[in-house]
Amino acid sequence: MYVSARSDYALRAMLAVAAASRGGGGSGGGGGELVKAASLAEVQDIPLSFLQGILLDLRRAGLLHSHRGADGGYALTRPADEITVGDVLRAVGGSLTTVRGLPAERAGYHGVAAGLTDVWLAVHGAIATVVDSTTLADLLTRNSTDHAPTTS
């Protein structure tokens, strides 16, 4: 699995939107604050023009909805505990695992290399298990507990 800048940025943007939903008192599915693309770009250090394309893909995939206007911005379409890392990765990158640019299930071999297809499918399955069982809420919870200030 190769994690592209696009995938990394998409996850960071979704986490920031989810955190704003939480901070605004909502559960993520329409509650909380709307987050502006420019704010996401600045806080997450993502080029705005690149982020706008990512946000469009996330909206088309049904993970974000947008509101126009001065008070507009982006919000999650579902609670953060219902959106997985896999949902986000597939929305912006397609297949989780590729072999020479093709989805793992389409990588064909013959002769002595025929067994490689099974290896790539197993790798794909292992990755899918991790990313499809990890939600945005899981990552936000880890962040708040793993990076909590310690007292001496």
C-alpha atoms as a PDB file:
ATOM      1  CA  MET A   1       0.000   0.000   0.000  1.00  0.00           C
ATOM      2  CA  TYR A   2       1.258   3.422  -0.927  1.00  0.00           C
ATOM      3  CA  VAL A   3      -0.221   6.362   0.991  1.00  0.00           C
ATOM      4  CA  SER A   4      -0.219   9.317  -1.369  1.00  0.00           C
ATOM      5  CA  ALA A   5      -0.171  12.953  -0.309  1.00  0.00           C
ATOM      6  CA  ARG A   6      -3.773  13.135  -1.530  1.00  0.00           C
ATOM      7  CA  SER A   7      -4.842  10.304   0.803  1.00  0.00           C
ATOM      8  CA  ASP A   8      -2.889  11.746   3.731  1.00  0.00           C
ATOM      9  CA  TYR A   9      -4.377  15.212   3.187  1.00  0.00           C
ATOM     10  CA  ALA A  10      -7.895  13.778   2.864  1.00  0.00           C
ATOM     11  CA  LEU A  11      -7.615  11.975   6.182  1.00  0.00           C
ATOM     12  CA  ARG A  12      -6.165  15.032   7.909  1.00  0.00           C
ATOM     13  CA  ALA A  13      -8.958  17.219   6.535  1.00  0.00           C
ATOM     14  CA  MET A  14     -11.644  14.737   7.595  1.00  0.00           C
ATOM     15  CA  LEU A  15     -10.158  14.521  11.089  1.00  0.00           C
ATOM     16  CA  ALA A  16     -10.140  18.320  11.378  1.00  0.00           C
ATOM     17  CA  VAL A  17     -13.782  18.502  10.284  1.00  0.00           C
ATOM     18  CA  ALA A  18     -14.680  15.690  12.709  1.00  0.00           C
ATOM     19  CA  ALA A  19     -12.872  17.472  15.551  1.00  0.00           C
ATOM     20  CA  ALA A  20     -14.771  20.686  14.798  1.00  0.00           C
ATOM     21  CA  SER A  21     -18.037  18.721  14.841  1.00  0.00           C
ATOM     22  CA  ARG A  22     -17.113  17.334  18.238  1.00  0.00           C
ATOM     23  CA  GLY A  23     -15.967  20.665  19.585  1.00  0.00           C
ATOM     24  CA  GLY A  24     -19.205  22.283  18.498  1.00  0.00           C
ATOM     25  CA  GLY A  25     -21.219  19.912  20.630  1.00  0.00           C
ATOM     26  CA  GLY A  26     -22.392  17.730  17.775  1.00  0.00           C
ATOM     27  CA  SER A  27     -21.762  14.070  17.179  1.00  0.00           C
ATOM     28  CA  GLY A  28     -20.333  14.671  13.728  1.00  0.00           C
ATOM     29  CA  GLY A  29     -23.358  14.032  11.538  1.00  0.00           C
ATOM     30  CA  GLY A  30     -24.389  17.610  10.864  1.00  0.00           C
ATOM     31  CA  GLY A  31     -23.742  18.975  14.346  1.00  0.00           C
ATOM     32  CA  GLY A  32     -20.942  21.295  15.326  1.00  0.00           C
ATOM     33  CA  GLU A  33     -19.193  23.979  13.362  1.00  0.00           C
ATOM     34  CA  LEU A  34     -18.822  24.226   9.622  1.00  0.00           C
ATOM     35  CA  VAL A  35     -15.164  24.298   8.621  1.00  0.00           C
ATOM     36  CA  LYS A  36     -13.971  26.490   5.773  1.00  0.00           C
ATOM     37  CA  ALA A  37     -11.596  25.061   3.177  1.00  0.00           C
ATOM     38  CA  ALA A  38      -9.158  27.934   3.707  1.00  0.00           C
ATOM     39  CA  SER A  39      -9.045  27.206   7.434  1.00  0.00           C
ATOM     40  CA  LEU A  40      -8.428  23.496   6.812  1.00  0.00           C
ATOM     41  CA  ALA A  41      -5.656  24.330   4.361  1.00  0.00           C
ATOM     42  CA  GLU A  42      -3.961  26.685   6.797  1.00  0.00           C
ATOM     43  CA  VAL A  43      -4.248  24.549   9.924  1.00  0.00           C
ATOM     44  CA  GLN A  44      -3.253  21.308   8.187  1.00  0.00           C
ATOM     45  CA  ASP A  45      -0.620  22.957   5.934  1.00  0.00           C
ATOM     46  CA  ILE A  46      -2.244  21.716   2.717  1.00  0.00           C
ATOM     47  CA  PRO A  47      -2.148  23.736  -0.516  1.00  0.00           C
ATOM     48  CA  LEU A  48      -5.674  25.196  -0.865  1.00  0.00           C
ATOM     49  CA  SER A  49      -6.036  24.450  -4.583  1.00  0.00           C
ATOM     50  CA  PHE A  50      -5.087  20.802  -3.967  1.00  0.00           C
ATOM     51  CA  LEU A  51      -7.403  20.576  -0.946  1.00  0.00           C
ATOM     52  CA  GLN A  52     -10.391  21.889  -2.894  1.00  0.00           C
ATOM     53  CA  GLY A  53     -10.184  18.938  -5.292  1.00  0.00           C
ATOM     54  CA  ILE A  54      -9.922  16.529  -2.363  1.00  0.00           C
ATOM     55  CA  LEU A  55     -12.936  18.092  -0.640  1.00  0.00           C
ATOM     56  CA  LEU A  56     -14.913  17.743  -3.873  1.00  0.00           C
ATOM     57  CA  ASP A  57     -14.081  14.023  -4.021  1.00  0.00           C
ATOM     58  CA  LEU A  58     -15.080  13.593  -0.364  1.00  0.00           C
ATOM     59  CA  ARG A  59     -18.351  15.406  -1.017  1.00  0.00           C
ATOM     60  CA  ARG A  60     -19.072  13.295  -4.122  1.00  0.00           C
ATOM     61  CA  ALA A  61     -18.408  10.155  -2.061  1.00  0.00           C
ATOM     62  CA  GLY A  62     -21.028  11.282   0.452  1.00  0.00           C
ATOM     63  CA  LEU A  63     -18.603  11.806   3.331  1.00  0.00           C
ATOM     64  CA  LEU A  64     -18.861  15.606   3.511  1.00  0.00           C
ATOM     65  CA  HIS A  65     -21.519  18.118   2.719  1.00  0.00           C
ATOM     66  CA  SER A  66     -20.900  21.750   1.997  1.00  0.00           C
ATOM     67  CA  HIS A  67     -22.776  24.950   2.646  1.00  0.00           C
ATOM     68  CA  ARG A  68     -22.118  28.038   0.561  1.00  0.00           C
ATOM     69  CA  GLY A  69     -21.945  31.597   1.696  1.00  0.00           C
ATOM     70  CA  ALA A  70     -20.164  33.696   4.271  1.00  0.00           C
ATOM     71  CA  ASP A  71     -21.078  31.294   7.053  1.00  0.00           C
ATOM     72  CA  GLY A  72     -20.539  28.234   4.868  1.00  0.00           C
ATOM     73  CA  GLY A  73     -18.049  25.430   5.064  1.00  0.00           C
ATOM     74  CA  TYR A  74     -17.849  21.663   5.314  1.00  0.00           C
ATOM     75  CA  ALA A  75     -19.328  19.173   7.765  1.00  0.00           C
ATOM     76  CA  LEU A  76     -19.448  15.389   8.025  1.00  0.00           C
ATOM     77  CA  THR A  77     -22.510  13.679   6.579  1.00  0.00           C
ATOM     78  CA  ARG A  78     -22.421  10.994   9.288  1.00  0.00           C
ATOM     79  CA  PRO A  79     -21.039  10.780  12.802  1.00  0.00           C
ATOM     80  CA  ALA A  80     -17.266  10.317  13.027  1.00  0.00           C
ATOM     81  CA  ASP A  81     -17.750   6.836  14.477  1.00  0.00           C
ATOM     82  CA  GLU A  82     -19.482   5.787  11.231  1.00  0.00           C
ATOM     83  CA  ILE A  83     -16.765   6.957   8.819  1.00  0.00           C
ATOM     84  CA  THR A  84     -13.753   4.697   8.454  1.00  0.00           C
ATOM     85  CA  VAL A  85     -10.246   5.393   7.235  1.00  0.00           C
ATOM     86  CA  GLY A  86     -11.075   2.986   4.403  1.00  0.00           C
ATOM     87  CA  ASP A  87     -14.067   5.113   3.359  1.00  0.00           C
ATOM     88  CA  VAL A  88     -11.811   8.156   3.039  1.00  0.00           C
ATOM     89  CA  LEU A  89      -8.988   6.316   1.249  1.00  0.00           C
ATOM     90  CA  ARG A  90     -11.367   4.812  -1.303  1.00  0.00           C
ATOM     91  CA  ALA A  91     -13.060   8.184  -1.890  1.00  0.00           C
ATOM     92  CA  VAL A  92      -9.832   9.865  -2.958  1.00  0.00           C
ATOM     93  CA  GLY A  93      -7.681   7.010  -4.204  1.00  0.00           C
ATOM     94  CA  GLY A  94      -9.851   4.148  -5.406  1.00  0.00           C
ATOM     95  CA  SER A  95      -8.408   0.730  -4.612  1.00  0.00           C
ATOM     96  CA  LEU A  96      -6.531   0.294  -1.335  1.00  0.00           C
ATOM     97  CA  THR A  97      -3.821  -1.872  -2.875  1.00  0.00           C
ATOM     98  CA  THR A  98      -2.401  -1.639  -6.368  1.00  0.00           C
ATOM     99  CA  VAL A  99       0.126  -3.694  -8.274  1.00  0.00           C
ATOM    100  CA  ARG A 100       1.741  -1.813 -11.142  1.00  0.00           C
ATOM    101  CA  GLY A 101      -1.158   0.652 -11.043  1.00  0.00           C
ATOM    102  CA  LEU A 102      -3.908  -1.993 -11.144  1.00  0.00           C
ATOM    103  CA  PRO A 103      -6.150  -3.095  -8.275  1.00  0.00           C
ATOM    104  CA  ALA A 104      -4.659  -6.177  -6.593  1.00  0.00           C
ATOM    105  CA  GLU A 105      -7.474  -8.424  -7.816  1.00  0.00           C
ATOM    106  CA  ARG A 106      -6.631  -7.554 -11.431  1.00  0.00           C
ATOM    107  CA  ALA A 107      -2.912  -8.349 -11.215  1.00  0.00           C
ATOM    108  CA  GLY A 108      -2.454 -11.437 -13.333  1.00  0.00           C
ATOM    109  CA  TYR A 109       0.509 -13.777 -13.377  1.00  0.00           C
ATOM    110  CA  HIS A 110       1.385 -17.033 -15.019  1.00  0.00           C
ATOM    111  CA  GLY A 111       3.970 -19.717 -14.619  1.00  0.00           C
ATOM    112  CA  VAL A 112       6.203 -19.608 -11.546  1.00  0.00           C
ATOM    113  CA  ALA A 113       4.801 -16.201 -10.515  1.00  0.00           C
ATOM    114  CA  ALA A 114       1.140 -17.327 -10.445  1.00  0.00           C
ATOM    115  CA  GLY A 115       1.147 -17.501  -6.630  1.00  0.00           C
ATOM    116  CA  LEU A 116       1.797 -13.751  -6.372  1.00  0.00           C
ATOM    117  CA  THR A 117      -1.877 -12.988  -6.987  1.00  0.00           C
ATOM    118  CA  ASP A 118      -2.755 -14.753  -3.720  1.00  0.00           C
ATOM    119  CA  VAL A 119      -0.088 -12.777  -1.858  1.00  0.00           C
ATOM    120  CA  TRP A 120      -1.365  -9.427  -3.172  1.00  0.00           C
ATOM    121  CA  LEU A 121      -4.955 -10.356  -2.347  1.00  0.00           C
ATOM    122  CA  ALA A 122      -3.905 -11.334   1.197  1.00  0.00           C
ATOM    123  CA  VAL A 123      -2.067  -8.017   1.573  1.00  0.00           C
ATOM    124  CA  HIS A 124      -5.151  -6.199   0.303  1.00  0.00           C
ATOM    125  CA  GLY A 125      -7.350  -8.084   2.776  1.00  0.00           C
ATOM    126  CA  ALA A 126      -5.064  -7.276   5.707  1.00  0.00           C
ATOM    127  CA  ILE A 127      -4.991  -3.582   4.816  1.00  0.00           C
ATOM    128  CA  ALA A 128      -8.771  -3.507   4.370  1.00  0.00           C
ATOM    129  CA  THR A 129      -9.237  -5.113   7.785  1.00  0.00           C
ATOM    130  CA  VAL A 130      -7.228  -2.354   9.471  1.00  0.00           C
ATOM    131  CA  VAL A 131      -8.590   0.652   7.597  1.00  0.00           C
ATOM    132  CA  ASP A 132     -12.196  -0.556   7.614  1.00  0.00           C
ATOM    133  CA  SER A 133     -12.167  -1.116  11.371  1.00  0.00           C
ATOM    134  CA  THR A 134     -10.618   2.253  12.251  1.00  0.00           C
ATOM    135  CA  THR A 135     -13.000   5.201  12.381  1.00  0.00           C
ATOM    136  CA  LEU A 136     -12.360   8.919  12.524  1.00  0.00           C
ATOM    137  CA  ALA A 137     -13.708   8.839  16.077  1.00  0.00           C
ATOM    138  CA  ASP A 138     -11.133   6.163  16.992  1.00  0.00           C
ATOM    139  CA  LEU A 139      -8.330   8.404  15.756  1.00  0.00           C
ATOM    140  CA  LEU A 140      -9.684  11.452  17.569  1.00  0.00           C
ATOM    141  CA  THR A 141      -9.965   9.448  20.781  1.00  0.00           C
ATOM    142  CA  ARG A 142      -6.398   8.148  20.395  1.00  0.00           C
ATOM    143  CA  ASN A 143      -5.160  11.682  19.832  1.00  0.00           C
ATOM    144  CA  SER A 144      -6.837  13.014  22.966  1.00  0.00           C
ATOM    145  CA  THR A 145      -5.530  10.180  25.161  1.00  0.00           C
ATOM    146  CA  ASP A 146      -2.108   9.603  23.597  1.00  0.00           C
ATOM    147  CA  HIS A 147      -1.145  13.257  23.620  1.00  0.00           C
ATOM    148  CA  ALA A 148      -2.705  14.347  26.868  1.00  0.00           C
ATOM    149  CA  PRO A 149      -0.416  16.502  28.967  1.00  0.00           C
ATOM    150  CA  THR A 150       1.230  14.709  31.840  1.00  0.00           C
ATOM    151  CA  THR A 151       1.584  16.105  35.301  1.00  0.00           C
ATOM    152  CA  SER A 152       4.811  15.754  37.214  1.00  0.00           C
END
